[in-house]
Amino acid sequence: MPEQYVLRPFPSSRQAEWDTFVAGHPQGHLLQSWGWGELKAGVGWRPLRLALWERKQEKIVAAAQILQRTIPHVSPRLGHLAYIPKGPVVDWAASAENSTGLAQLFLHRLRSFLRGQGALALQIEPDLAADTAEGRAALACFRSLGFHQVQAIQPLRTIILDLRSNEETLLAQMKEKWRYNVRLAARKGVEVRVARSLEDVRAWYALLQTTGERDQFGIHTLDYYCKAWEIFAPRQQARLFLAYAGEELLAGIFVSLLGRQAIYLYGASSNSRRNLMPNYLLQWEAIRWARQVGATVYDFWGIPPTDGSGEALAGVYRFKSGWGGRTISLIGNYEHTYHPLLTYTAKTFFIR
């Protein structure tokens, strides 16, 4: 089987082909999209896209977007850390039944390629639930190739809402208070609009700063979110939904869409007129939009490690858990270390 396939860097002239493959694959994810690499290139990462091709048909069978980061002013070939977020895009299901399957071959090739590129360590954090055959296959593959678990970068738990039901069923699955708040916001005149300009993004960012201060979490710069909107909105891969009362902006959420998966990435809300429940109507309109454009799942993107009321983000869990989705625990982040001492030293320079 190895002779059938060749691993090659993916040319920038074929961006649309990359996204088509990622969006159409069961393991495709926004963080493996071309645009996500462009976004991260603005904050110190260097994206490398590698694809495994079937030789005869010249067809992509697996792919990985690797984010590389070096110590400042040091060449990547003299040492860098490599990270695959929510990837690779490969058929883990087939590997669940075949220990010498495509995923095993792909990761073996990736590991060797990145060693030649000067990687000190490779971290892989797939979007795989721990209680699935695919998740178990990935763990077996990692063990066989010498990977070990390290601290997660992405959330380890999330809530997934199945969108394949009709709207009436989705409303019925919500907690009663959630349905009430959705209807209350609409009844009180809250209007949901879609961001059309960078001015809209800047107005939303002011709310995000307020939210970060209120709820004590860190945020990116304004330029980061403006670039995210400029990259994903024209490609129809994201929308920024904004909730207004009259002309007063009350709240907004940034929701991505790639293939069949929508993701609630970022949310912000004002300290005023919270009694109008704008966040509930925002989520409902985003869910409706995602379903209408073909998404089958809506990912609420991260909840605290436990459901306890003592959690710092207990309010986040309560809000996200009321929509009728199911909680998913992911397998986490796994690392293959090429140079242990250098890797330990290099990690002190990185802020993810």
Foldseek 3Di string as FASTA:
>chain_A
DLVQKDKDWDDPVPLVVQLVLLLPAPLRDPCFHPLVQVLVVVVAWHWIKMFMAGPPVRHTAKIFIKTWHFQPPDQVQQEIEIETEQDTRHPLVVLLVPVPDDVLSVVVVVVVVVVNSHYQKYKYFHPAFCPDSSNVSVVVSCVVVAKDFDAFDFAQKWWKDFLPDDPVVLLVLFDPVLNVLLVLLVVLQKDKDWDDDLVVLVVQVVQVVVVCVVLVDDDDDSVSSSSSCVRQVVVQFWIKIWIDRVNDTAKIWIWGHGRQEIEGDDIGGDPPPCVSVRVSNRVSVVSVVSSVVHHRMYIDGHDDPDCDPPDSVNVSVVVRVRSNTDMGGGPGMIMDGPNVVVVVVGVVSDDD
